[in-house]
Amino acid sequence: MSGAGRRSPADLLRPLRRLGVLVLDYEYAVRHQLRAALDHEVPEALVSPGSARGAQGSPVVLLPGIYETWRFMGPLARRLHAAGHPVHVITALGRNRLSLAEGAALVARHLEEHDLRDVTIVAHSKGGLVAKTLMGLPGAGERVRRTVAIATPFSGSSLARYLPVHALRALRPDDPAMVALAAEAAANARIVSLWGWYDPHIPGGSRLRGAARNEELPVGGHFRILGSPRLLALVDELTTDERRQPPP
């Protein structure tokens, strides 16, 4: 066999490595979905935004992915709350099966009702699409300083077209709402997109043209990236209000 036809050991192991990532990813998802369903002990600030008025950090809004409740992001919620941020969740989103426009309208209503400004949104998967849609809304969009989008299919997912559920098929690249959102670039400079080296749900990746920052993390998976130490450290960094930092 010629040198050009030989496959390196890394090439031969890549499918096995990806299979391993897939297994670990779904193990993480199932474990955290179960914990989200059973764990009802949450900081008061997460269910009663007014109770967090004394917090020192800037407000953070959590937006989960499709078929996730905000409780799936519980570890991030607790971490941000412990860091002094008033953390807000949009319980009306439920499992985030609404259209992007409907989801963004619910978040906008929450921002207005609680007069939240200088907000950082931390979003997973479809939650990042809802956040970008919100950032394009007059009035509500100006309340958002930054979105940290984790494993978000900004260009859609080619796998969505094969799924039987409408809420999932709506994430295909040629869906009219996805096409319109991808073409709308005004908010991109206020979005940080983070993703893992292999995401089995988003073959096309999560890179966003014109983003404030695009970064691939050394972790594989669509779900388990949420527990990555590197991801958690970046969220700490990106949700810090620079204006509150002490002088050097």
Foldseek 3Di string as FASTA:
>chain_A
DDPVPDDDPCRVCVVVVVVVQVVVQVVLVVVLQVCLVVDPDAPPLAVPVVVLVPFDFAAEEEAEAAQDASSSLVVLQVVVVVVRHSYYYQCVCPRVLDDLVVLLVSVLVVCVVVVHAQYEYEYAAVRVSSLLVNLPDPPSVRRYQAYEYELYQLQFACCQCVDPDPSSVCRHNPNVVSVVSLVDCPCQCRYEYEYEPEEPRHVPTDDRPNHVYYYYDPGYYRRCVSVDPVSSVVVVVVRGDVVPDDDD
